[in-house]
Structure formats: C-alpha cells, structure tokens
PDB file of all heavy atoms in Angstrom:
ATOM      1  N   THR A   1      74.170  25.241 -10.824  1.00  0.00           N
ATOM      2  CA  THR A   1      75.014  24.066 -10.577  1.00  0.00           C
ATOM      3  C   THR A   1      75.699  24.174  -9.105  1.00  0.00           C
ATOM      4  O   THR A   1      76.263  23.238  -8.607  1.00  0.00           O
ATOM      5  CB  THR A   1      76.076  23.874 -11.558  1.00  0.00           C
ATOM      6  OG1 THR A   1      76.868  25.184 -11.731  1.00  0.00           O
ATOM      7  CG2 THR A   1      75.468  23.660 -12.967  1.00  0.00           C
ATOM      8  N   VAL A   2      75.773  25.487  -8.691  1.00  0.00           N
ATOM      9  CA  VAL A   2      76.424  25.743  -7.345  1.00  0.00           C
ATOM     10  C   VAL A   2      75.254  25.469  -6.233  1.00  0.00           C
ATOM     11  O   VAL A   2      74.274  26.119  -6.243  1.00  0.00           O
ATOM     12  CB  VAL A   2      76.970  27.126  -7.245  1.00  0.00           C
ATOM     13  CG1 VAL A   2      77.529  27.425  -5.973  1.00  0.00           C
ATOM     14  CG2 VAL A   2      77.938  27.428  -8.414  1.00  0.00           C
ATOM     15  N   LEU A   3      75.703  24.623  -5.299  1.00  0.00           N
ATOM     16  CA  LEU A   3      74.759  24.274  -4.270  1.00  0.00           C
ATOM     17  C   LEU A   3      75.062  25.048  -2.996  1.00  0.00           C
ATOM     18  O   LEU A   3      76.218  24.939  -2.490  1.00  0.00           O
ATOM     19  CB  LEU A   3      74.777  22.729  -3.983  1.00  0.00           C
ATOM     20  CG  LEU A   3      74.459  21.975  -5.247  1.00  0.00           C
ATOM     21  CD1 LEU A   3      74.477  20.434  -4.800  1.00  0.00           C
ATOM     22  CD2 LEU A   3      73.098  22.301  -5.948  1.00  0.00           C
ATOM     23  N   SER A   4      74.118  25.836  -2.361  1.00  0.00           N
ATOM     24  CA  SER A   4      74.466  26.455  -1.088  1.00  0.00           C
ATOM     25  C   SER A   4      74.175  25.603   0.028  1.00  0.00           C
ATOM     26  O   SER A   4      73.760  24.414  -0.262  1.00  0.00           O
ATOM     27  CB  SER A   4      73.338  27.689  -0.977  1.00  0.00           C
ATOM     28  OG  SER A   4      72.042  27.130  -0.938  1.00  0.00           O
ATOM     29  N   ALA A   5      74.604  25.885   1.121  1.00  0.00           N
ATOM     30  CA  ALA A   5      74.526  25.042   2.307  1.00  0.00           C
ATOM     31  C   ALA A   5      73.010  24.632   2.564  1.00  0.00           C
ATOM     32  O   ALA A   5      72.738  23.552   2.748  1.00  0.00           O
ATOM     33  CB  ALA A   5      75.146  25.634   3.536  1.00  0.00           C
ATOM     34  N   ASP A   6      72.236  25.638   2.373  1.00  0.00           N
ATOM     35  CA  ASP A   6      70.705  25.302   2.709  1.00  0.00           C
ATOM     36  C   ASP A   6      70.141  24.529   1.617  1.00  0.00           C
ATOM     37  O   ASP A   6      69.329  23.562   1.877  1.00  0.00           O
ATOM     38  CB  ASP A   6      69.973  26.720   2.665  1.00  0.00           C
ATOM     39  CG  ASP A   6      68.527  26.569   2.886  1.00  0.00           C
ATOM     40  OD1 ASP A   6      68.144  25.961   3.972  1.00  0.00           O
ATOM     41  OD2 ASP A   6      67.694  27.059   2.081  1.00  0.00           O
ATOM     42  N   ASP A   7      70.559  24.686   0.314  1.00  0.00           N
ATOM     43  CA  ASP A   7      70.093  23.879  -0.703  1.00  0.00           C
ATOM     44  C   ASP A   7      70.593  22.478  -0.613  1.00  0.00           C
ATOM     45  O   ASP A   7      69.870  21.586  -0.820  1.00  0.00           O
ATOM     46  CB  ASP A   7      70.638  24.539  -2.124  1.00  0.00           C
ATOM     47  CG  ASP A   7      69.917  24.091  -3.265  1.00  0.00           C
ATOM     48  OD1 ASP A   7      68.680  23.680  -3.112  1.00  0.00           O
ATOM     49  OD2 ASP A   7      70.415  24.136  -4.405  1.00  0.00           O
ATOM     50  N   ARG A   8      71.821  22.327  -0.225  1.00  0.00           N
ATOM     51  CA  ARG A   8      72.416  20.941  -0.099  1.00  0.00           C
ATOM     52  C   ARG A   8      71.639  20.147   0.964  1.00  0.00           C
ATOM     53  O   ARG A   8      71.424  18.951   0.905  1.00  0.00           O
ATOM     54  CB  ARG A   8      73.864  20.990   0.220  1.00  0.00           C
ATOM     55  CG  ARG A   8      74.507  19.667   0.234  1.00  0.00           C
ATOM     56  CD  ARG A   8      76.051  19.773   0.486  1.00  0.00           C
ATOM     57  NE  ARG A   8      76.619  18.560   0.446  1.00  0.00           N
ATOM     58  CZ  ARG A   8      77.134  17.906  -0.739  1.00  0.00           C
ATOM     59  NH1 ARG A   8      77.115  18.583  -1.867  1.00  0.00           N
ATOM     60  NH2 ARG A   8      77.639  16.823  -0.751  1.00  0.00           N
ATOM     61  N   GLU A   9      71.259  20.849   2.053  1.00  0.00           N
ATOM     62  CA  GLU A   9      70.568  20.231   3.220  1.00  0.00           C
ATOM     63  C   GLU A   9      69.215  19.685   2.676  1.00  0.00           C
ATOM     64  O   GLU A   9      68.827  18.592   3.034  1.00  0.00           O
ATOM     65  CB  GLU A   9      70.364  21.134   4.306  1.00  0.00           C
ATOM     66  CG  GLU A   9      69.603  20.724   5.553  1.00  0.00           C
ATOM     67  CD  GLU A   9      69.460  21.589   6.630  1.00  0.00           C
ATOM     68  OE1 GLU A   9      69.851  22.788   6.539  1.00  0.00           O
ATOM     69  OE2 GLU A   9      68.747  21.317   7.664  1.00  0.00           O
ATOM     70  N   TYR A  10      68.496  20.519   1.865  1.00  0.00           N
ATOM     71  CA  TYR A  10      67.166  20.074   1.353  1.00  0.00           C
ATOM     72  C   TYR A  10      67.379  18.866   0.377  1.00  0.00           C
ATOM     73  O   TYR A  10      66.624  17.993   0.308  1.00  0.00           O
ATOM     74  CB  TYR A  10      66.610  21.340   0.664  1.00  0.00           C
ATOM     75  CG  TYR A  10      65.860  21.064  -0.643  1.00  0.00           C
ATOM     76  CD1 TYR A  10      64.647  20.412  -0.595  1.00  0.00           C
ATOM     77  CD2 TYR A  10      66.413  21.516  -1.790  1.00  0.00           C
ATOM     78  CE1 TYR A  10      63.960  20.222  -1.801  1.00  0.00           C
ATOM     79  CE2 TYR A  10      65.741  21.302  -3.003  1.00  0.00           C
ATOM     80  CZ  TYR A  10      64.507  20.592  -3.044  1.00  0.00           C
ATOM     81  OH  TYR A  10      63.866  20.409  -4.206  1.00  0.00           O
ATOM     82  N   ILE A  11      68.365  18.967  -0.527  1.00  0.00           N
ATOM     83  CA  ILE A  11      68.641  18.010  -1.482  1.00  0.00           C
ATOM     84  C   ILE A  11      68.976  16.626  -0.682  1.00  0.00           C
ATOM     85  O   ILE A  11      68.502  15.568  -1.140  1.00  0.00           O
ATOM     86  CB  ILE A  11      69.843  18.305  -2.394  1.00  0.00           C
ATOM     87  CG1 ILE A  11      69.420  19.601  -3.246  1.00  0.00           C
ATOM     88  CG2 ILE A  11      70.238  17.184  -3.170  1.00  0.00           C
ATOM     89  CD1 ILE A  11      70.465  20.177  -4.026  1.00  0.00           C
ATOM     90  N   GLU A  12      69.761  16.651   0.281  1.00  0.00           N
ATOM     91  CA  GLU A  12      70.170  15.449   0.977  1.00  0.00           C
ATOM     92  C   GLU A  12      68.970  14.757   1.637  1.00  0.00           C
ATOM     93  O   GLU A  12      68.790  13.662   1.731  1.00  0.00           O
ATOM     94  CB  GLU A  12      71.256  15.773   2.002  1.00  0.00           C
ATOM     95  CG  GLU A  12      72.631  16.100   1.372  1.00  0.00           C
ATOM     96  CD  GLU A  12      73.724  16.405   2.408  1.00  0.00           C
ATOM     97  OE1 GLU A  12      73.415  16.282   3.595  1.00  0.00           O
ATOM     98  OE2 GLU A  12      74.834  16.618   2.074  1.00  0.00           O
ATOM     99  N   LYS A  13      68.190  15.734   2.242  1.00  0.00           N
ATOM    100  CA  LYS A  13      66.968  15.252   2.927  1.00  0.00           C
ATOM    101  C   LYS A  13      66.063  14.493   1.939  1.00  0.00           C
ATOM    102  O   LYS A  13      65.479  13.346   2.204  1.00  0.00           O
ATOM    103  CB  LYS A  13      66.140  16.360   3.502  1.00  0.00           C
ATOM    104  CG  LYS A  13      64.883  16.084   4.225  1.00  0.00           C
ATOM    105  CD  LYS A  13      64.201  17.306   4.728  1.00  0.00           C
ATOM    106  CE  LYS A  13      62.867  16.898   5.428  1.00  0.00           C
ATOM    107  NZ  LYS A  13      62.117  18.071   5.996  1.00  0.00           N
ATOM    108  N   MET A  14      65.856  15.001   0.702  1.00  0.00           N
ATOM    109  CA  MET A  14      64.996  14.400  -0.286  1.00  0.00           C
ATOM    110  C   MET A  14      65.657  13.155  -0.764  1.00  0.00           C
ATOM    111  O   MET A  14      64.955  12.197  -1.148  1.00  0.00           O
ATOM    112  CB  MET A  14      64.779  15.368  -1.423  1.00  0.00           C
ATOM    113  CG  MET A  14      63.752  16.487  -1.075  1.00  0.00           C
ATOM    114  SD  MET A  14      62.218  15.921  -0.543  1.00  0.00           S
ATOM    115  CE  MET A  14      61.705  14.739  -1.915  1.00  0.00           C
ATOM    116  N   LEU A  15      66.915  13.113  -0.949  1.00  0.00           N
ATOM    117  CA  LEU A  15      67.608  11.865  -1.450  1.00  0.00           C
ATOM    118  C   LEU A  15      67.413  10.723  -0.463  1.00  0.00           C
ATOM    119  O   LEU A  15      67.295   9.617  -0.855  1.00  0.00           O
ATOM    120  CB  LEU A  15      69.067  12.152  -1.714  1.00  0.00           C
ATOM    121  CG  LEU A  15      69.297  13.046  -3.029  1.00  0.00           C
ATOM    122  CD1 LEU A  15      70.817  13.346  -3.049  1.00  0.00           C
ATOM    123  CD2 LEU A  15      69.013  12.267  -4.258  1.00  0.00           C
ATOM    124  N   ARG A  16      67.610  11.135   0.910  1.00  0.00           N
ATOM    125  CA  ARG A  16      67.399  10.087   1.932  1.00  0.00           C
ATOM    126  C   ARG A  16      65.927   9.607   1.916  1.00  0.00           C
ATOM    127  O   ARG A  16      65.546   8.396   2.038  1.00  0.00           O
ATOM    128  CB  ARG A  16      67.714  10.627   3.329  1.00  0.00           C
ATOM    129  CG  ARG A  16      69.307  10.917   3.410  1.00  0.00           C
ATOM    130  CD  ARG A  16      69.527  11.283   4.830  1.00  0.00           C
ATOM    131  NE  ARG A  16      70.947  11.503   5.128  1.00  0.00           N
ATOM    132  CZ  ARG A  16      71.505  12.670   5.147  1.00  0.00           C
ATOM    133  NH1 ARG A  16      70.800  13.750   4.976  1.00  0.00           N
ATOM    134  NH2 ARG A  16      72.855  12.809   5.314  1.00  0.00           N
ATOM    135  N   TYR A  17      64.984  10.541   1.668  1.00  0.00           N
ATOM    136  CA  TYR A  17      63.541  10.185   1.606  1.00  0.00           C
ATOM    137  C   TYR A  17      63.300   9.192   0.457  1.00  0.00           C
ATOM    138  O   TYR A  17      62.655   8.146   0.683  1.00  0.00           O
ATOM    139  CB  TYR A  17      62.708  11.430   1.419  1.00  0.00           C
ATOM    140  CG  TYR A  17      61.338  11.124   1.315  1.00  0.00           C
ATOM    141  CD1 TYR A  17      60.395  10.840   2.309  1.00  0.00           C
ATOM    142  CD2 TYR A  17      60.613  11.282   0.016  1.00  0.00           C
ATOM    143  CE1 TYR A  17      59.138  10.637   2.177  1.00  0.00           C
ATOM    144  CE2 TYR A  17      59.375  11.112  -0.177  1.00  0.00           C
ATOM    145  CZ  TYR A  17      58.611  10.676   0.875  1.00  0.00           C
ATOM    146  OH  TYR A  17      57.184  10.456   0.689  1.00  0.00           O
ATOM    147  N   VAL A  18      63.832   9.467  -0.682  1.00  0.00           N
ATOM    148  CA  VAL A  18      63.734   8.615  -1.875  1.00  0.00           C
ATOM    149  C   VAL A  18      64.316   7.303  -1.496  1.00  0.00           C
ATOM    150  O   VAL A  18      63.720   6.130  -1.807  1.00  0.00           O
ATOM    151  CB  VAL A  18      64.287   9.242  -3.012  1.00  0.00           C
ATOM    152  CG1 VAL A  18      64.415   8.180  -4.176  1.00  0.00           C
ATOM    153  CG2 VAL A  18      63.472  10.433  -3.521  1.00  0.00           C
ATOM    154  N   ALA A  19      65.544   7.209  -0.975  1.00  0.00           N
ATOM    155  CA  ALA A  19      66.184   6.009  -0.735  1.00  0.00           C
ATOM    156  C   ALA A  19      65.461   5.144   0.341  1.00  0.00           C
ATOM    157  O   ALA A  19      65.383   3.888   0.110  1.00  0.00           O
ATOM    158  CB  ALA A  19      67.619   6.265  -0.212  1.00  0.00           C
ATOM    159  N   ASP A  20      64.912   5.811   1.383  1.00  0.00           N
ATOM    160  CA  ASP A  20      64.225   5.015   2.273  1.00  0.00           C
ATOM    161  C   ASP A  20      62.849   4.542   1.912  1.00  0.00           C
ATOM    162  O   ASP A  20      62.213   3.657   2.530  1.00  0.00           O
ATOM    163  CB  ASP A  20      64.034   5.988   3.634  1.00  0.00           C
ATOM    164  CG  ASP A  20      65.256   6.257   4.213  1.00  0.00           C
ATOM    165  OD1 ASP A  20      66.192   5.626   4.100  1.00  0.00           O
ATOM    166  OD2 ASP A  20      65.303   7.337   4.984  1.00  0.00           O
ATOM    167  N   SER A  21      62.364   5.127   0.816  1.00  0.00           N
ATOM    168  CA  SER A  21      61.055   4.675   0.266  1.00  0.00           C
ATOM    169  C   SER A  21      61.088   3.450  -0.735  1.00  0.00           C
ATOM    170  O   SER A  21      60.090   2.933  -1.161  1.00  0.00           O
ATOM    171  CB  SER A  21      60.384   5.869  -0.450  1.00  0.00           C
ATOM    172  OG  SER A  21      60.220   6.973   0.391  1.00  0.00           O
ATOM    173  N   ILE A  22      62.355   3.137  -1.056  1.00  0.00           N
ATOM    174  CA  ILE A  22      62.550   1.999  -1.971  1.00  0.00           C
ATOM    175  C   ILE A  22      62.128   0.728  -1.429  1.00  0.00           C
ATOM    176  O   ILE A  22      62.715   0.430  -0.375  1.00  0.00           O
ATOM    177  CB  ILE A  22      63.861   1.976  -2.582  1.00  0.00           C
ATOM    178  CG1 ILE A  22      64.354   3.372  -3.271  1.00  0.00           C
ATOM    179  CG2 ILE A  22      64.160   0.895  -3.540  1.00  0.00           C
ATOM    180  CD1 ILE A  22      65.814   3.412  -3.726  1.00  0.00           C
ATOM    181  N   LYS A  23      61.413  -0.097  -2.102  1.00  0.00           N
ATOM    182  CA  LYS A  23      61.180  -1.442  -1.715  1.00  0.00           C
ATOM    183  C   LYS A  23      61.816  -2.279  -2.847  1.00  0.00           C
ATOM    184  O   LYS A  23      62.339  -1.949  -3.783  1.00  0.00           O
ATOM    185  CB  LYS A  23      59.619  -1.641  -1.541  1.00  0.00           C
ATOM    186  CG  LYS A  23      59.032  -0.990  -0.485  1.00  0.00           C
ATOM    187  CD  LYS A  23      57.561  -1.175  -0.324  1.00  0.00           C
ATOM    188  CE  LYS A  23      56.896  -0.357   0.769  1.00  0.00           C
ATOM    189  NZ  LYS A  23      55.462  -0.515   0.870  1.00  0.00           N
ATOM    190  N   THR A  24      61.636  -3.609  -2.766  1.00  0.00           N
ATOM    191  CA  THR A  24      62.205  -4.493  -3.734  1.00  0.00           C
ATOM    192  C   THR A  24      61.785  -4.220  -5.098  1.00  0.00           C
ATOM    193  O   THR A  24      60.579  -4.274  -5.445  1.00  0.00           O
ATOM    194  CB  THR A  24      61.843  -5.999  -3.385  1.00  0.00           C
ATOM    195  OG1 THR A  24      62.253  -6.246  -2.052  1.00  0.00           O
ATOM    196  CG2 THR A  24      62.560  -6.880  -4.413  1.00  0.00           C
ATOM    197  N   GLU A  25      62.766  -3.989  -6.014  1.00  0.00           N
ATOM    198  CA  GLU A  25      62.588  -3.841  -7.472  1.00  0.00           C
ATOM    199  C   GLU A  25      61.644  -2.670  -7.775  1.00  0.00           C
ATOM    200  O   GLU A  25      60.928  -2.589  -8.758  1.00  0.00           O
ATOM    201  CB  GLU A  25      62.006  -5.058  -8.160  1.00  0.00           C
ATOM    202  CG  GLU A  25      62.946  -6.313  -8.096  1.00  0.00           C
ATOM    203  CD  GLU A  25      62.459  -7.479  -8.893  1.00  0.00           C
ATOM    204  OE1 GLU A  25      61.217  -7.414  -9.210  1.00  0.00           O
ATOM    205  OE2 GLU A  25      63.222  -8.359  -9.139  1.00  0.00           O
ATOM    206  N   GLU A  26      61.601  -1.706  -6.853  1.00  0.00           N
ATOM    207  CA  GLU A  26      60.811  -0.449  -7.125  1.00  0.00           C
ATOM    208  C   GLU A  26      61.669   0.711  -7.563  1.00  0.00           C
ATOM    209  O   GLU A  26      62.888   0.737  -7.192  1.00  0.00           O
ATOM    210  CB  GLU A  26      60.038  -0.037  -5.871  1.00  0.00           C
ATOM    211  CG  GLU A  26      58.785  -0.746  -5.634  1.00  0.00           C
ATOM    212  CD  GLU A  26      57.912  -0.182  -4.525  1.00  0.00           C
ATOM    213  OE1 GLU A  26      58.504   0.645  -3.767  1.00  0.00           O
ATOM    214  OE2 GLU A  26      56.747  -0.456  -4.428  1.00  0.00           O
ATOM    215  N   VAL A  27      61.037   1.593  -8.287  1.00  0.00           N
ATOM    216  CA  VAL A  27      61.710   2.848  -8.693  1.00  0.00           C
ATOM    217  C   VAL A  27      60.856   3.973  -8.034  1.00  0.00           C
ATOM    218  O   VAL A  27      59.604   4.058  -8.266  1.00  0.00           O
ATOM    219  CB  VAL A  27      61.779   3.036 -10.224  1.00  0.00           C
ATOM    220  CG1 VAL A  27      62.357   4.478 -10.528  1.00  0.00           C
ATOM    221  CG2 VAL A  27      62.551   1.944 -10.892  1.00  0.00           C
ATOM    222  N   VAL A  28      61.555   4.862  -7.256  1.00  0.00           N
ATOM    223  CA  VAL A  28      60.848   5.911  -6.564  1.00  0.00           C
ATOM    224  C   VAL A  28      61.225   7.221  -7.120  1.00  0.00           C
ATOM    225  O   VAL A  28      62.464   7.530  -7.511  1.00  0.00           O
ATOM    226  CB  VAL A  28      61.212   5.849  -5.040  1.00  0.00           C
ATOM    227  CG1 VAL A  28      60.484   7.001  -4.308  1.00  0.00           C
ATOM    228  CG2 VAL A  28      60.811   4.469  -4.447  1.00  0.00           C
TER     229      VAL A  28
END
C-alpha cells in the first residue's frame, strides 16, 4: 500500500495512458 516515488511515477504514467486511450463509451 506504500508507494515509492519510482512506483508512483510508473503508476501515474499508466493511468495517463489509460485515460488518453479512452474513446466514447469505451472501457480501457
């Protein structure tokens, strides 16, 4: 449950990737 700085950077990158891949009414 504890996120290191390196881990958080990777998580944020993946969340942005998922968010940017969303199209209308899609689940990514």
